Amino acid sequence: MNMKNDILFDNLVNPNNLEKAFDYLLIEIEGSSLALDPLWTPAVLAIKKHRKEYFIALSELLRSGDFHADSATYFKFPKDSLGIRPVAVLSVTDRIVYQAIFLQPVLGNILKSKFVTPPCYTPNISLGHEKTFLEDWHIKWDSYIEDQVFAYVEGYRYKVELDVKSFF
């Protein structure tokens, strides 16, 4: 099937979908502890100023096949444990496109239906009426605690926690 005639592709490149992805990105930026201001503020302000034109132009760029993701900017971010975490920061445009891919009209509903019970305690994709793309972390924290209490009541006395940091 030609990608340009695909319903998921049409949903992805829809200016409204891209604009919604930007709105989710703004919420994420607002709550982020990363120092993204020097990297993202100029782009975010420009997009806000020319919002309608920007999303129409981005839609046309995607539809034409001329969109190419930029290279990420890498920096080292200190962790509470006194360690260092390498962080890759995408351009605002790349972040909008990647966010748009996972919105409900594109892959969001597909992913939500396949992972009703996730294999871990990461936030799920929101159902759509929330103001954020992912469920708030505290929702998963509450279910994690409930599961730990249930396991203890059932007789389990040991818990294994894994971090995939060293895997990569």
N, C-alpha and C. Protein backbone atom coordinates (compact mmCIF):
# COMPACT_ATOMS: atom_id res chain seq x y z
N MET A 1 0.85 -1.18 0.00
CA MET A 1 0.00 0.00 0.00
C MET A 1 0.89 1.24 0.00
N ASN A 2 0.52 2.21 -0.77
CA ASN A 2 1.25 3.48 -0.81
C ASN A 2 1.03 4.23 0.49
N MET A 3 2.15 4.62 1.14
CA MET A 3 2.06 5.27 2.44
C MET A 3 1.23 6.55 2.37
N LYS A 4 1.26 7.24 1.25
CA LYS A 4 0.55 8.51 1.14
C LYS A 4 -0.96 8.31 1.06
N ASN A 5 -1.43 7.09 0.84
CA ASN A 5 -2.86 6.81 0.82
C ASN A 5 -3.30 6.06 2.07
N ASP A 6 -2.45 5.93 3.02
CA ASP A 6 -2.71 5.18 4.23
C ASP A 6 -3.44 6.07 5.25
N ILE A 7 -4.48 5.54 5.87
CA ILE A 7 -5.28 6.32 6.84
C ILE A 7 -4.44 6.75 8.05
N LEU A 8 -3.54 5.87 8.51
CA LEU A 8 -2.70 6.26 9.65
C LEU A 8 -1.76 7.40 9.27
N PHE A 9 -1.23 7.34 8.06
CA PHE A 9 -0.36 8.43 7.60
C PHE A 9 -1.15 9.73 7.47
N ASP A 10 -2.36 9.64 6.91
CA ASP A 10 -3.21 10.83 6.80
C ASP A 10 -3.51 11.42 8.17
N ASN A 11 -3.76 10.55 9.14
CA ASN A 11 -4.01 11.03 10.50
C ASN A 11 -2.76 11.68 11.09
N LEU A 12 -1.60 11.09 10.82
CA LEU A 12 -0.34 11.65 11.33
C LEU A 12 -0.11 13.05 10.80
N VAL A 13 -0.24 13.25 9.51
CA VAL A 13 0.12 14.53 8.90
C VAL A 13 -0.98 15.57 8.99
N ASN A 14 -2.10 15.22 9.57
CA ASN A 14 -3.19 16.17 9.76
C ASN A 14 -2.70 17.31 10.65
N PRO A 15 -2.83 18.57 10.21
CA PRO A 15 -2.35 19.70 11.04
C PRO A 15 -2.93 19.72 12.45
N ASN A 16 -4.18 19.27 12.62
CA ASN A 16 -4.78 19.24 13.96
C ASN A 16 -4.07 18.23 14.85
N ASN A 17 -3.69 17.08 14.29
CA ASN A 17 -2.95 16.07 15.05
C ASN A 17 -1.59 16.61 15.47
N LEU A 18 -0.90 17.28 14.55
CA LEU A 18 0.41 17.86 14.85
C LEU A 18 0.29 18.94 15.92
N GLU A 19 -0.77 19.73 15.83
CA GLU A 19 -0.99 20.80 16.81
C GLU A 19 -1.28 20.21 18.20
N LYS A 20 -2.04 19.14 18.24
CA LYS A 20 -2.32 18.48 19.52
C LYS A 20 -1.02 17.92 20.12
N ALA A 21 -0.16 17.38 19.26
CA ALA A 21 1.13 16.87 19.74
C ALA A 21 1.95 18.01 20.35
N PHE A 22 1.90 19.17 19.74
CA PHE A 22 2.61 20.34 20.28
C PHE A 22 2.05 20.73 21.64
N ASP A 23 0.72 20.70 21.77
CA ASP A 23 0.11 21.04 23.06
C ASP A 23 0.56 20.08 24.16
N TYR A 24 0.64 18.78 23.83
CA TYR A 24 1.16 17.81 24.80
C TYR A 24 2.62 18.11 25.14
N LEU A 25 3.38 18.48 24.13
CA LEU A 25 4.78 18.82 24.35
C LEU A 25 4.91 20.02 25.29
N LEU A 26 4.05 21.01 25.14
CA LEU A 26 4.09 22.17 26.03
C LEU A 26 3.83 21.77 27.48
N ILE A 27 2.89 20.87 27.69
CA ILE A 27 2.61 20.39 29.05
C ILE A 27 3.82 19.64 29.59
N GLU A 28 4.44 18.82 28.75
CA GLU A 28 5.62 18.08 29.17
C GLU A 28 6.77 19.02 29.53
N ILE A 29 6.99 20.04 28.71
CA ILE A 29 8.05 21.01 28.98
C ILE A 29 7.80 21.71 30.31
N GLU A 30 6.55 22.07 30.53
CA GLU A 30 6.16 22.77 31.76
C GLU A 30 6.53 21.96 33.01
N GLY A 31 6.40 20.65 32.94
CA GLY A 31 6.65 19.80 34.10
C GLY A 31 8.04 19.18 34.12
N SER A 32 8.88 19.52 33.15
CA SER A 32 10.18 18.87 33.04
C SER A 32 11.20 19.47 34.00
N SER A 33 12.08 18.62 34.50
CA SER A 33 13.17 19.10 35.34
C SER A 33 14.44 19.32 34.52
N LEU A 34 14.39 19.01 33.24
CA LEU A 34 15.55 19.22 32.37
C LEU A 34 15.65 20.69 31.98
N ALA A 35 16.86 21.16 31.81
CA ALA A 35 17.11 22.55 31.43
C ALA A 35 16.97 22.69 29.92
N LEU A 36 15.72 22.76 29.44
CA LEU A 36 15.48 22.81 28.00
C LEU A 36 15.33 24.23 27.47
N ASP A 37 15.25 25.22 28.36
CA ASP A 37 15.00 26.59 27.93
C ASP A 37 15.93 27.08 26.83
N PRO A 38 17.26 26.97 26.99
CA PRO A 38 18.12 27.51 25.94
C PRO A 38 17.98 26.79 24.60
N LEU A 39 17.57 25.52 24.65
CA LEU A 39 17.46 24.73 23.42
C LEU A 39 16.10 24.89 22.74
N TRP A 40 15.04 24.95 23.50
CA TRP A 40 13.71 24.89 22.92
C TRP A 40 12.93 26.20 22.92
N THR A 41 13.24 27.13 23.83
CA THR A 41 12.43 28.33 23.96
C THR A 41 12.28 29.11 22.65
N PRO A 42 13.35 29.37 21.91
CA PRO A 42 13.15 30.13 20.66
C PRO A 42 12.19 29.44 19.69
N ALA A 43 12.33 28.13 19.54
CA ALA A 43 11.45 27.40 18.62
C ALA A 43 10.01 27.40 19.12
N VAL A 44 9.83 27.16 20.41
CA VAL A 44 8.47 27.13 20.97
C VAL A 44 7.79 28.49 20.80
N LEU A 45 8.51 29.56 21.06
CA LEU A 45 7.93 30.90 20.90
C LEU A 45 7.57 31.18 19.44
N ALA A 46 8.42 30.76 18.51
CA ALA A 46 8.14 30.97 17.09
C ALA A 46 6.92 30.18 16.65
N ILE A 47 6.81 28.95 17.14
CA ILE A 47 5.65 28.12 16.78
C ILE A 47 4.38 28.73 17.34
N LYS A 48 4.43 29.19 18.58
CA LYS A 48 3.25 29.83 19.17
C LYS A 48 2.82 31.05 18.37
N LYS A 49 3.80 31.83 17.91
CA LYS A 49 3.50 33.07 17.18
C LYS A 49 2.90 32.78 15.80
N HIS A 50 3.36 31.71 15.15
CA HIS A 50 2.90 31.38 13.79
C HIS A 50 2.25 29.99 13.78
N ARG A 51 1.47 29.73 14.78
CA ARG A 51 0.92 28.40 15.04
C ARG A 51 0.24 27.77 13.83
N LYS A 52 -0.77 28.43 13.28
CA LYS A 52 -1.55 27.85 12.18
C LYS A 52 -0.66 27.60 10.96
N GLU A 53 0.12 28.59 10.59
CA GLU A 53 0.99 28.45 9.42
C GLU A 53 2.04 27.36 9.62
N TYR A 54 2.57 27.26 10.83
CA TYR A 54 3.59 26.27 11.13
C TYR A 54 3.06 24.85 10.94
N PHE A 55 1.89 24.57 11.47
CA PHE A 55 1.36 23.20 11.39
C PHE A 55 0.89 22.85 9.98
N ILE A 56 0.44 23.82 9.22
CA ILE A 56 0.11 23.57 7.82
C ILE A 56 1.40 23.26 7.05
N ALA A 57 2.45 24.05 7.29
CA ALA A 57 3.73 23.83 6.60
C ALA A 57 4.35 22.49 7.00
N LEU A 58 4.30 22.15 8.29
CA LEU A 58 4.85 20.87 8.74
C LEU A 58 4.07 19.71 8.12
N SER A 59 2.76 19.84 8.05
CA SER A 59 1.92 18.82 7.43
C SER A 59 2.32 18.62 5.97
N GLU A 60 2.51 19.71 5.26
CA GLU A 60 2.90 19.62 3.85
C GLU A 60 4.29 19.00 3.70
N LEU A 61 5.20 19.34 4.60
CA LEU A 61 6.55 18.78 4.56
C LEU A 61 6.51 17.27 4.77
N LEU A 62 5.72 16.82 5.72
CA LEU A 62 5.58 15.38 5.97
C LEU A 62 4.92 14.68 4.80
N ARG A 63 3.86 15.27 4.29
CA ARG A 63 3.11 14.66 3.19
C ARG A 63 3.97 14.53 1.93
N SER A 64 4.84 15.49 1.70
CA SER A 64 5.68 15.47 0.50
C SER A 64 6.83 14.46 0.61
N GLY A 65 7.11 14.00 1.85
CA GLY A 65 8.22 13.07 2.05
C GLY A 65 9.56 13.77 2.21
N ASP A 66 9.52 15.10 2.34
CA ASP A 66 10.75 15.88 2.47
C ASP A 66 11.18 16.10 3.91
N PHE A 67 10.43 15.61 4.87
CA PHE A 67 10.82 15.77 6.28
C PHE A 67 11.94 14.79 6.61
N HIS A 68 12.98 15.30 7.25
CA HIS A 68 14.08 14.46 7.73
C HIS A 68 14.39 14.89 9.16
N ALA A 69 14.41 13.95 10.06
CA ALA A 69 14.70 14.25 11.46
C ALA A 69 16.12 14.79 11.60
N ASP A 70 16.28 15.75 12.50
CA ASP A 70 17.60 16.29 12.80
C ASP A 70 18.34 15.36 13.74
N SER A 71 19.62 15.56 13.88
CA SER A 71 20.41 14.84 14.88
C SER A 71 20.05 15.38 16.26
N ALA A 72 20.06 14.52 17.24
CA ALA A 72 19.77 14.93 18.62
C ALA A 72 20.96 15.71 19.19
N THR A 73 20.65 16.58 20.15
CA THR A 73 21.69 17.27 20.91
C THR A 73 21.89 16.47 22.18
N TYR A 74 23.12 16.13 22.49
CA TYR A 74 23.41 15.31 23.66
C TYR A 74 24.08 16.15 24.74
N PHE A 75 23.66 15.93 25.99
CA PHE A 75 24.36 16.53 27.12
C PHE A 75 24.25 15.60 28.31
N LYS A 76 25.04 15.89 29.33
CA LYS A 76 25.05 15.05 30.53
C LYS A 76 24.28 15.76 31.63
N PHE A 77 23.35 15.01 32.23
CA PHE A 77 22.47 15.55 33.25
C PHE A 77 22.77 14.87 34.58
N PRO A 78 23.04 15.64 35.64
CA PRO A 78 23.35 15.00 36.93
C PRO A 78 22.12 14.32 37.55
N LYS A 79 22.36 13.17 38.15
CA LYS A 79 21.31 12.41 38.84
C LYS A 79 21.42 12.65 40.34
N ASP A 80 20.34 12.39 41.06
CA ASP A 80 20.34 12.54 42.52
C ASP A 80 21.37 11.65 43.19
N SER A 81 21.69 10.53 42.54
CA SER A 81 22.64 9.58 43.12
C SER A 81 24.09 10.00 42.86
N LEU A 82 24.29 11.24 42.43
CA LEU A 82 25.60 11.80 42.09
C LEU A 82 26.19 11.21 40.83
N GLY A 83 25.41 10.44 40.11
CA GLY A 83 25.85 9.91 38.83
C GLY A 83 25.51 10.89 37.72
N ILE A 84 25.81 10.50 36.51
CA ILE A 84 25.52 11.32 35.34
C ILE A 84 24.67 10.50 34.38
N ARG A 85 23.63 11.10 33.85
CA ARG A 85 22.76 10.44 32.87
C ARG A 85 22.91 11.16 31.54
N PRO A 86 23.32 10.45 30.49
CA PRO A 86 23.36 11.09 29.18
C PRO A 86 21.93 11.30 28.68
N VAL A 87 21.66 12.49 28.17
CA VAL A 87 20.32 12.83 27.72
C VAL A 87 20.40 13.31 26.27
N ALA A 88 19.53 12.77 25.44
CA ALA A 88 19.42 13.21 24.05
C ALA A 88 18.21 14.11 23.94
N VAL A 89 18.40 15.30 23.41
CA VAL A 89 17.31 16.25 23.24
C VAL A 89 17.06 16.42 21.75
N LEU A 90 15.84 16.14 21.35
CA LEU A 90 15.44 16.28 19.95
C LEU A 90 15.04 17.72 19.68
N SER A 91 15.05 18.09 18.42
CA SER A 91 14.54 19.42 18.06
C SER A 91 13.05 19.45 18.37
N VAL A 92 12.50 20.63 18.51
CA VAL A 92 11.08 20.75 18.82
C VAL A 92 10.24 20.14 17.70
N THR A 93 10.62 20.37 16.46
CA THR A 93 9.86 19.81 15.34
C THR A 93 9.90 18.29 15.37
N ASP A 94 11.07 17.70 15.58
CA ASP A 94 11.17 16.25 15.67
C ASP A 94 10.32 15.72 16.81
N ARG A 95 10.35 16.40 17.93
CA ARG A 95 9.59 15.96 19.11
C ARG A 95 8.09 16.02 18.82
N ILE A 96 7.65 17.03 18.09
CA ILE A 96 6.24 17.13 17.72
C ILE A 96 5.84 15.95 16.82
N VAL A 97 6.66 15.66 15.83
CA VAL A 97 6.35 14.57 14.91
C VAL A 97 6.32 13.23 15.65
N TYR A 98 7.32 12.99 16.49
CA TYR A 98 7.34 11.72 17.23
C TYR A 98 6.15 11.62 18.17
N GLN A 99 5.79 12.73 18.81
CA GLN A 99 4.62 12.74 19.69
C GLN A 99 3.36 12.44 18.88
N ALA A 100 3.25 13.04 17.70
CA ALA A 100 2.06 12.87 16.85
C ALA A 100 1.88 11.42 16.42
N ILE A 101 2.97 10.71 16.25
CA ILE A 101 2.88 9.30 15.86
C ILE A 101 2.12 8.48 16.90
N PHE A 102 2.27 8.84 18.17
CA PHE A 102 1.67 8.05 19.24
C PHE A 102 0.32 8.58 19.71
N LEU A 103 -0.20 9.61 19.07
CA LEU A 103 -1.53 10.09 19.43
C LEU A 103 -2.58 9.10 18.96
N GLN A 104 -3.77 9.20 19.53
CA GLN A 104 -4.83 8.22 19.28
C GLN A 104 -5.17 8.00 17.81
N PRO A 105 -5.24 9.03 16.98
CA PRO A 105 -5.62 8.77 15.58
C PRO A 105 -4.58 7.98 14.79
N VAL A 106 -3.36 7.92 15.29
CA VAL A 106 -2.31 7.23 14.55
C VAL A 106 -2.05 5.88 15.23
N LEU A 107 -1.15 5.81 16.19
CA LEU A 107 -0.85 4.54 16.86
C LEU A 107 -1.41 4.43 18.28
N GLY A 108 -1.87 5.53 18.84
CA GLY A 108 -2.33 5.54 20.23
C GLY A 108 -3.38 4.50 20.55
N ASN A 109 -4.43 4.43 19.74
CA ASN A 109 -5.49 3.45 20.01
C ASN A 109 -4.99 2.02 19.83
N ILE A 110 -4.11 1.83 18.85
CA ILE A 110 -3.56 0.49 18.62
C ILE A 110 -2.74 0.05 19.82
N LEU A 111 -1.86 0.93 20.29
CA LEU A 111 -1.02 0.59 21.44
C LEU A 111 -1.84 0.41 22.71
N LYS A 112 -2.83 1.27 22.90
CA LYS A 112 -3.68 1.18 24.09
C LYS A 112 -4.41 -0.17 24.13
N SER A 113 -4.89 -0.63 22.98
CA SER A 113 -5.63 -1.90 22.95
C SER A 113 -4.71 -3.10 23.13
N LYS A 114 -3.47 -3.01 22.71
CA LYS A 114 -2.54 -4.13 22.81
C LYS A 114 -1.92 -4.24 24.20
N PHE A 115 -1.86 -3.13 24.94
CA PHE A 115 -1.21 -3.14 26.24
C PHE A 115 -2.16 -2.69 27.33
N VAL A 116 -3.31 -3.37 27.41
CA VAL A 116 -4.29 -3.06 28.45
C VAL A 116 -3.67 -3.29 29.83
N THR A 117 -2.95 -4.38 29.98
CA THR A 117 -2.23 -4.65 31.21
C THR A 117 -0.74 -4.58 30.87
N PRO A 118 -0.12 -3.45 31.18
CA PRO A 118 1.28 -3.30 30.77
C PRO A 118 2.20 -4.23 31.56
N PRO A 119 3.34 -4.61 30.95
CA PRO A 119 4.27 -5.50 31.63
C PRO A 119 5.09 -4.79 32.71
N CYS A 120 4.93 -3.48 32.83
CA CYS A 120 5.68 -2.74 33.86
C CYS A 120 4.84 -1.57 34.34
N TYR A 121 5.39 -0.76 35.21
CA TYR A 121 4.63 0.32 35.82
C TYR A 121 4.92 1.67 35.16
N THR A 122 5.15 1.67 33.88
CA THR A 122 5.34 2.94 33.18
C THR A 122 3.97 3.53 32.86
N PRO A 123 3.87 4.84 32.72
CA PRO A 123 2.57 5.44 32.41
C PRO A 123 2.04 4.98 31.06
N ASN A 124 0.76 4.67 31.03
CA ASN A 124 0.09 4.28 29.79
C ASN A 124 -0.30 5.52 29.00
N ILE A 125 -0.63 5.32 27.74
CA ILE A 125 -1.17 6.41 26.94
C ILE A 125 -2.53 6.77 27.51
N SER A 126 -2.79 8.07 27.66
CA SER A 126 -4.04 8.54 28.24
C SER A 126 -5.21 8.17 27.34
N LEU A 127 -6.38 8.15 27.92
CA LEU A 127 -7.58 7.77 27.18
C LEU A 127 -8.08 8.88 26.27
N GLY A 128 -7.57 10.08 26.40
CA GLY A 128 -7.96 11.13 25.48
C GLY A 128 -8.62 12.31 26.16
N HIS A 129 -9.29 12.10 27.26
CA HIS A 129 -9.96 13.22 27.91
C HIS A 129 -9.04 13.91 28.92
N GLU A 130 -7.89 13.32 29.19
CA GLU A 130 -6.94 13.95 30.08
C GLU A 130 -6.20 15.05 29.32
N LYS A 131 -5.55 15.94 30.06
CA LYS A 131 -4.83 17.02 29.39
C LYS A 131 -3.40 16.64 29.05
N THR A 132 -3.00 15.43 29.37
CA THR A 132 -1.64 15.01 29.06
C THR A 132 -1.66 13.77 28.18
N PHE A 133 -0.54 13.53 27.50
CA PHE A 133 -0.43 12.39 26.59
C PHE A 133 -0.36 11.08 27.36
N LEU A 134 0.47 11.05 28.41
CA LEU A 134 0.60 9.86 29.25
C LEU A 134 -0.14 10.07 30.56
N GLU A 135 -0.58 8.98 31.15
CA GLU A 135 -1.18 9.08 32.47
C GLU A 135 -0.15 9.65 33.44
N ASP A 136 -0.61 10.38 34.42
CA ASP A 136 0.32 10.91 35.42
C ASP A 136 1.02 9.76 36.13
N TRP A 137 2.28 10.00 36.49
CA TRP A 137 3.09 8.95 37.13
C TRP A 137 2.45 8.46 38.43
N HIS A 138 1.77 9.35 39.15
CA HIS A 138 1.21 8.94 40.45
C HIS A 138 0.12 7.90 40.31
N ILE A 139 -0.54 7.83 39.15
CA ILE A 139 -1.54 6.79 38.93
C ILE A 139 -0.86 5.43 38.93
N LYS A 140 0.26 5.33 38.24
CA LYS A 140 1.01 4.07 38.22
C LYS A 140 1.64 3.79 39.57
N TRP A 141 2.07 4.82 40.29
CA TRP A 141 2.66 4.62 41.61
C TRP A 141 1.61 4.00 42.54
N ASP A 142 0.40 4.50 42.50
CA ASP A 142 -0.67 3.95 43.35
C ASP A 142 -0.92 2.48 43.03
N SER A 143 -0.96 2.12 41.75
CA SER A 143 -1.19 0.72 41.40
C SER A 143 0.01 -0.15 41.78
N TYR A 144 1.21 0.42 41.70
CA TYR A 144 2.42 -0.31 42.12
C TYR A 144 2.33 -0.64 43.62
N ILE A 145 1.96 0.33 44.42
CA ILE A 145 1.84 0.11 45.88
C ILE A 145 0.75 -0.91 46.17
N GLU A 146 -0.38 -0.80 45.50
CA GLU A 146 -1.47 -1.77 45.69
C GLU A 146 -1.00 -3.19 45.36
N ASP A 147 -0.27 -3.32 44.26
CA ASP A 147 0.24 -4.63 43.87
C ASP A 147 1.23 -5.17 44.89
N GLN A 148 2.05 -4.31 45.49
CA GLN A 148 3.02 -4.75 46.49
C GLN A 148 2.31 -5.23 47.76
N VAL A 149 1.28 -4.51 48.17
CA VAL A 149 0.51 -4.91 49.36
C VAL A 149 -0.19 -6.24 49.08
N PHE A 150 -0.80 -6.38 47.91
CA PHE A 150 -1.48 -7.62 47.55
C PHE A 150 -0.49 -8.79 47.56
N ALA A 151 0.70 -8.59 46.98
CA ALA A 151 1.71 -9.66 46.93
C ALA A 151 2.13 -10.05 48.34
N TYR A 152 2.28 -9.10 49.23
CA TYR A 152 2.67 -9.40 50.61
C TYR A 152 1.58 -10.21 51.31
N VAL A 153 0.33 -9.79 51.13
CA VAL A 153 -0.79 -10.51 51.72
C VAL A 153 -0.87 -11.94 51.18
N GLU A 154 -0.51 -12.13 49.93
CA GLU A 154 -0.53 -13.45 49.30
C GLU A 154 0.66 -14.31 49.72
N GLY A 155 1.58 -13.76 50.51
CA GLY A 155 2.68 -14.57 51.01
C GLY A 155 4.04 -14.33 50.38
N TYR A 156 4.10 -13.45 49.39
CA TYR A 156 5.40 -13.15 48.78
C TYR A 156 6.21 -12.27 49.73
N ARG A 157 7.50 -12.58 49.88
CA ARG A 157 8.33 -11.81 50.81
C ARG A 157 9.52 -11.15 50.13
N TYR A 158 9.75 -11.44 48.87
CA TYR A 158 10.88 -10.86 48.14
C TYR A 158 10.37 -10.18 46.88
N LYS A 159 11.06 -9.13 46.52
CA LYS A 159 10.71 -8.39 45.31
C LYS A 159 11.99 -8.14 44.53
N VAL A 160 11.92 -8.25 43.24
CA VAL A 160 13.07 -8.00 42.38
C VAL A 160 12.81 -6.73 41.58
N GLU A 161 13.76 -5.80 41.62
CA GLU A 161 13.68 -4.61 40.80
C GLU A 161 14.82 -4.62 39.82
N LEU A 162 14.52 -4.31 38.57
CA LEU A 162 15.54 -4.31 37.54
C LEU A 162 15.59 -2.93 36.88
N ASP A 163 16.79 -2.51 36.55
CA ASP A 163 16.99 -1.27 35.80
C ASP A 163 17.79 -1.65 34.57
N VAL A 164 17.30 -1.31 33.42
CA VAL A 164 17.94 -1.73 32.17
C VAL A 164 19.10 -0.83 31.76
N LYS A 165 19.50 0.10 32.63
CA LYS A 165 20.57 1.05 32.30
C LYS A 165 21.81 0.35 31.76
N SER A 166 22.29 -0.65 32.43
CA SER A 166 23.52 -1.32 32.03
C SER A 166 23.31 -2.20 30.79
N PHE A 167 22.07 -2.52 30.48
CA PHE A 167 21.79 -3.34 29.31
C PHE A 167 22.20 -2.63 28.04
N PHE A 168 21.99 -1.33 28.01
CA PHE A 168 22.30 -0.55 26.82
C PHE A 168 23.73 -0.11 26.82
